[in-house]
């Protein structure tokens, strides 16, 4: 939705968003919404390879990994998962997923 100007109230209005101060939201929801705030900003730079990842790339990887874990591995909410991994640019997206 594009911003719309209400002449009577003299107010600009953009798309409505849920408040981040909601006790019913999960940390995952908050992370995914926060990554949309500045999709083109660099959120991670790998010390090993120098590769950069934008907020949008991080968000997309988190979603893809989460979908894989639920569909292919059969994981569901409240399952516990351990991570053993060599340092790479994919550790953060896996941890958030």
N, C-alpha and C. Protein backbone atom coordinates (compact mmCIF):
# COMPACT_ATOMS: atom_id res chain seq x y z
N UNK A 1 0.84 -1.18 0.00
CA UNK A 1 0.00 0.00 0.00
C UNK A 1 0.89 1.25 0.00
N UNK A 2 0.59 2.17 -0.88
CA UNK A 2 1.32 3.42 -0.94
C UNK A 2 0.76 4.37 0.12
N UNK A 3 1.58 5.29 0.60
CA UNK A 3 1.08 6.28 1.56
C UNK A 3 -0.08 7.08 0.96
N UNK A 4 -1.07 7.38 1.80
CA UNK A 4 -2.26 8.11 1.37
C UNK A 4 -2.43 9.32 2.28
N UNK A 5 -2.79 10.46 1.70
CA UNK A 5 -3.00 11.67 2.49
C UNK A 5 -4.48 11.87 2.72
N UNK A 6 -4.88 12.02 3.98
CA UNK A 6 -6.26 12.30 4.35
C UNK A 6 -6.40 13.80 4.52
N UNK A 7 -7.10 14.47 3.59
CA UNK A 7 -7.21 15.93 3.61
C UNK A 7 -8.00 16.44 4.82
N UNK A 8 -9.01 15.70 5.24
CA UNK A 8 -9.83 16.13 6.37
C UNK A 8 -9.04 16.11 7.68
N UNK A 9 -8.32 15.04 7.92
CA UNK A 9 -7.55 14.91 9.16
C UNK A 9 -6.14 15.47 9.03
N UNK A 10 -5.74 15.80 7.80
CA UNK A 10 -4.40 16.31 7.51
C UNK A 10 -3.32 15.36 8.03
N UNK A 11 -3.48 14.08 7.64
CA UNK A 11 -2.57 13.04 8.12
C UNK A 11 -2.19 12.13 6.95
N UNK A 12 -0.89 11.80 6.89
CA UNK A 12 -0.43 10.78 5.95
C UNK A 12 -0.56 9.43 6.62
N UNK A 13 -0.98 8.43 5.87
CA UNK A 13 -1.11 7.09 6.43
C UNK A 13 -0.50 6.07 5.47
N UNK A 14 0.34 5.22 6.04
CA UNK A 14 0.95 4.14 5.27
C UNK A 14 0.31 2.83 5.65
N UNK A 15 0.93 1.73 5.25
CA UNK A 15 0.37 0.42 5.59
C UNK A 15 0.38 0.20 7.11
N UNK A 16 -0.66 -0.42 7.61
CA UNK A 16 -0.72 -0.69 9.05
C UNK A 16 0.19 -1.86 9.39
N UNK A 17 0.80 -1.77 10.57
CA UNK A 17 1.73 -2.81 11.02
C UNK A 17 1.39 -3.15 12.46
N UNK A 18 1.66 -4.38 12.84
CA UNK A 18 1.43 -4.76 14.23
C UNK A 18 2.51 -4.15 15.10
N UNK A 19 2.15 -3.82 16.32
CA UNK A 19 3.09 -3.22 17.25
C UNK A 19 4.12 -4.26 17.68
N UNK A 20 5.38 -3.82 17.84
CA UNK A 20 6.40 -4.74 18.32
C UNK A 20 6.31 -4.92 19.83
N UNK A 21 5.50 -4.09 20.48
CA UNK A 21 5.32 -4.19 21.93
C UNK A 21 4.07 -5.01 22.23
N UNK A 22 4.07 -6.23 21.75
CA UNK A 22 2.93 -7.12 21.90
C UNK A 22 3.44 -8.41 22.53
N UNK A 23 2.94 -8.72 23.71
CA UNK A 23 3.44 -9.90 24.42
C UNK A 23 3.06 -11.21 23.73
N UNK A 24 2.18 -11.16 22.75
CA UNK A 24 1.78 -12.37 22.03
C UNK A 24 2.70 -12.68 20.84
N UNK A 25 3.62 -11.77 20.52
CA UNK A 25 4.52 -11.99 19.39
C UNK A 25 5.73 -12.80 19.82
N UNK A 26 6.21 -13.65 18.94
CA UNK A 26 7.40 -14.44 19.22
C UNK A 26 8.65 -13.64 18.85
N UNK A 27 9.78 -14.10 19.34
CA UNK A 27 11.05 -13.47 18.99
C UNK A 27 11.29 -13.59 17.49
N UNK A 28 10.92 -14.73 16.93
CA UNK A 28 11.09 -14.93 15.49
C UNK A 28 10.32 -13.91 14.67
N UNK A 29 9.08 -13.64 15.09
CA UNK A 29 8.26 -12.65 14.39
C UNK A 29 8.92 -11.27 14.47
N UNK A 30 9.41 -10.93 15.65
CA UNK A 30 10.08 -9.65 15.85
C UNK A 30 11.33 -9.53 14.98
N UNK A 31 12.12 -10.59 14.91
CA UNK A 31 13.34 -10.58 14.09
C UNK A 31 12.97 -10.40 12.62
N UNK A 32 12.01 -11.17 12.13
CA UNK A 32 11.64 -11.08 10.71
C UNK A 32 11.08 -9.70 10.36
N UNK A 33 10.26 -9.13 11.24
CA UNK A 33 9.71 -7.80 10.99
C UNK A 33 10.81 -6.74 11.04
N UNK A 34 11.75 -6.87 11.97
CA UNK A 34 12.84 -5.91 12.09
C UNK A 34 13.74 -5.92 10.86
N UNK A 35 13.93 -7.08 10.27
CA UNK A 35 14.77 -7.18 9.08
C UNK A 35 14.14 -6.48 7.88
N UNK A 36 12.83 -6.29 7.91
CA UNK A 36 12.15 -5.59 6.81
C UNK A 36 12.27 -4.08 6.93
N UNK A 37 12.68 -3.59 8.10
CA UNK A 37 12.79 -2.15 8.31
C UNK A 37 13.79 -1.50 7.35
N UNK A 38 14.89 -2.17 7.13
CA UNK A 38 15.94 -1.63 6.24
C UNK A 38 16.50 -2.78 5.41
N UNK A 39 15.75 -3.26 4.43
CA UNK A 39 16.12 -4.48 3.71
C UNK A 39 17.46 -4.42 2.99
N UNK A 40 17.91 -3.26 2.60
CA UNK A 40 19.16 -3.16 1.84
C UNK A 40 20.39 -2.92 2.70
N UNK A 41 20.20 -2.69 3.99
CA UNK A 41 21.35 -2.48 4.87
C UNK A 41 22.10 -3.78 5.10
N UNK A 42 23.40 -3.68 5.25
CA UNK A 42 24.24 -4.85 5.51
C UNK A 42 24.12 -5.19 6.99
N UNK A 43 23.73 -6.43 7.28
CA UNK A 43 23.57 -6.85 8.67
C UNK A 43 24.72 -7.73 9.12
N UNK A 44 25.42 -8.33 8.17
CA UNK A 44 26.49 -9.25 8.55
C UNK A 44 27.62 -9.19 7.52
N UNK A 45 28.85 -9.16 8.04
CA UNK A 45 30.04 -9.25 7.19
C UNK A 45 30.86 -10.40 7.75
N UNK A 46 31.15 -11.38 6.92
CA UNK A 46 31.92 -12.54 7.34
C UNK A 46 33.38 -12.16 7.53
N UNK A 47 33.91 -12.44 8.72
CA UNK A 47 35.32 -12.16 9.00
C UNK A 47 36.23 -13.11 8.20
N UNK A 48 35.72 -14.29 7.88
CA UNK A 48 36.52 -15.28 7.15
C UNK A 48 36.60 -15.00 5.65
N UNK A 49 35.44 -14.77 5.04
CA UNK A 49 35.41 -14.61 3.58
C UNK A 49 35.22 -13.17 3.12
N UNK A 50 34.76 -12.30 4.02
CA UNK A 50 34.48 -10.91 3.64
C UNK A 50 33.15 -10.73 2.95
N UNK A 51 32.38 -11.82 2.82
CA UNK A 51 31.09 -11.71 2.15
C UNK A 51 30.11 -10.93 3.02
N UNK A 52 29.23 -10.18 2.37
CA UNK A 52 28.25 -9.36 3.07
C UNK A 52 26.85 -9.91 2.84
N UNK A 53 25.98 -9.69 3.86
CA UNK A 53 24.60 -10.13 3.75
C UNK A 53 23.69 -8.98 4.16
N UNK A 54 22.71 -8.68 3.30
CA UNK A 54 21.75 -7.62 3.61
C UNK A 54 20.66 -8.18 4.54
N UNK A 55 19.90 -7.29 5.09
CA UNK A 55 18.79 -7.69 5.97
C UNK A 55 17.80 -8.57 5.21
N UNK A 56 17.52 -8.21 3.95
CA UNK A 56 16.57 -8.99 3.16
C UNK A 56 17.11 -10.38 2.86
N UNK A 57 18.40 -10.48 2.55
CA UNK A 57 19.01 -11.80 2.32
C UNK A 57 18.95 -12.65 3.59
N UNK A 58 19.25 -12.04 4.73
CA UNK A 58 19.19 -12.75 6.01
C UNK A 58 17.77 -13.25 6.26
N UNK A 59 16.79 -12.39 6.04
CA UNK A 59 15.38 -12.76 6.25
C UNK A 59 14.98 -13.92 5.34
N UNK A 60 15.36 -13.83 4.07
CA UNK A 60 15.01 -14.90 3.12
C UNK A 60 15.65 -16.23 3.50
N UNK A 61 16.90 -16.19 3.96
CA UNK A 61 17.57 -17.43 4.37
C UNK A 61 16.91 -18.02 5.62
N UNK A 62 16.56 -17.17 6.57
CA UNK A 62 15.89 -17.65 7.79
C UNK A 62 14.59 -18.37 7.42
N UNK A 63 13.81 -17.77 6.54
CA UNK A 63 12.52 -18.36 6.15
C UNK A 63 12.74 -19.68 5.41
N UNK A 64 13.69 -19.72 4.47
CA UNK A 64 13.96 -20.96 3.72
C UNK A 64 14.42 -22.08 4.65
N UNK A 65 15.30 -21.75 5.58
CA UNK A 65 15.80 -22.77 6.51
C UNK A 65 14.68 -23.26 7.42
N UNK A 66 13.86 -22.34 7.93
CA UNK A 66 12.75 -22.72 8.79
C UNK A 66 11.77 -23.63 8.05
N UNK A 67 11.48 -23.30 6.80
CA UNK A 67 10.58 -24.14 5.99
C UNK A 67 11.19 -25.53 5.79
N UNK A 68 12.48 -25.57 5.53
CA UNK A 68 13.15 -26.86 5.37
C UNK A 68 13.08 -27.68 6.65
N UNK A 69 13.37 -27.04 7.78
CA UNK A 69 13.37 -27.76 9.06
C UNK A 69 11.98 -28.31 9.40
N UNK A 70 10.94 -27.59 9.04
CA UNK A 70 9.58 -28.07 9.35
C UNK A 70 9.09 -29.10 8.34
N UNK A 71 9.36 -28.86 7.05
CA UNK A 71 8.81 -29.78 6.05
C UNK A 71 9.66 -31.04 5.86
N UNK A 72 10.95 -30.89 5.74
CA UNK A 72 11.81 -32.05 5.46
C UNK A 72 12.27 -32.78 6.71
N UNK A 73 12.49 -32.04 7.79
CA UNK A 73 13.00 -32.67 9.02
C UNK A 73 11.90 -32.97 10.03
N UNK A 74 10.70 -32.47 9.77
CA UNK A 74 9.57 -32.75 10.65
C UNK A 74 9.59 -32.01 11.98
N UNK A 75 10.41 -30.98 12.11
CA UNK A 75 10.45 -30.23 13.36
C UNK A 75 9.20 -29.37 13.50
N UNK A 76 8.82 -29.09 14.72
CA UNK A 76 7.67 -28.23 14.98
C UNK A 76 8.00 -27.31 16.14
N UNK A 77 7.12 -26.33 16.38
CA UNK A 77 7.34 -25.39 17.47
C UNK A 77 7.57 -26.15 18.77
N UNK A 78 8.45 -25.62 19.58
CA UNK A 78 8.81 -26.14 20.89
C UNK A 78 9.75 -27.34 20.85
N UNK A 79 10.19 -27.77 19.66
CA UNK A 79 11.24 -28.78 19.57
C UNK A 79 12.57 -28.11 19.87
N UNK A 80 13.47 -28.84 20.52
CA UNK A 80 14.80 -28.33 20.81
C UNK A 80 15.76 -28.80 19.74
N UNK A 81 16.64 -27.90 19.30
CA UNK A 81 17.61 -28.23 18.26
C UNK A 81 18.97 -27.70 18.69
N UNK A 82 19.99 -28.52 18.51
CA UNK A 82 21.36 -28.08 18.77
C UNK A 82 22.07 -27.81 17.46
N UNK A 83 23.01 -26.89 17.49
CA UNK A 83 23.76 -26.55 16.27
C UNK A 83 25.24 -26.81 16.52
N UNK A 84 25.84 -27.61 15.65
CA UNK A 84 27.28 -27.82 15.65
C UNK A 84 27.73 -27.44 14.24
N UNK A 85 28.46 -26.33 14.15
CA UNK A 85 28.80 -25.84 12.81
C UNK A 85 30.11 -25.08 12.83
N UNK A 86 30.82 -25.18 11.73
CA UNK A 86 32.00 -24.35 11.51
C UNK A 86 31.50 -22.93 11.23
N UNK A 87 32.25 -21.93 11.63
CA UNK A 87 31.83 -20.55 11.41
C UNK A 87 31.64 -20.27 9.92
N UNK A 88 30.48 -19.73 9.58
CA UNK A 88 30.21 -19.32 8.21
C UNK A 88 29.09 -18.29 8.25
N UNK A 89 28.80 -17.72 7.08
CA UNK A 89 27.73 -16.72 7.01
C UNK A 89 26.34 -17.33 7.21
N UNK A 90 26.25 -18.66 7.23
CA UNK A 90 24.95 -19.31 7.41
C UNK A 90 24.61 -19.68 8.84
N UNK A 91 25.53 -19.47 9.77
CA UNK A 91 25.26 -19.84 11.16
C UNK A 91 24.13 -18.99 11.75
N UNK A 92 24.18 -17.68 11.53
CA UNK A 92 23.14 -16.80 12.09
C UNK A 92 21.75 -17.13 11.54
N UNK A 93 21.58 -17.27 10.21
CA UNK A 93 20.25 -17.62 9.71
C UNK A 93 19.73 -18.95 10.26
N UNK A 94 20.63 -19.92 10.43
CA UNK A 94 20.21 -21.21 10.99
C UNK A 94 19.77 -21.05 12.44
N UNK A 95 20.53 -20.27 13.21
CA UNK A 95 20.18 -20.06 14.61
C UNK A 95 18.84 -19.35 14.75
N UNK A 96 18.58 -18.35 13.91
CA UNK A 96 17.30 -17.65 13.97
C UNK A 96 16.15 -18.50 13.47
N UNK A 97 16.41 -19.36 12.48
CA UNK A 97 15.36 -20.22 11.93
C UNK A 97 14.89 -21.18 12.99
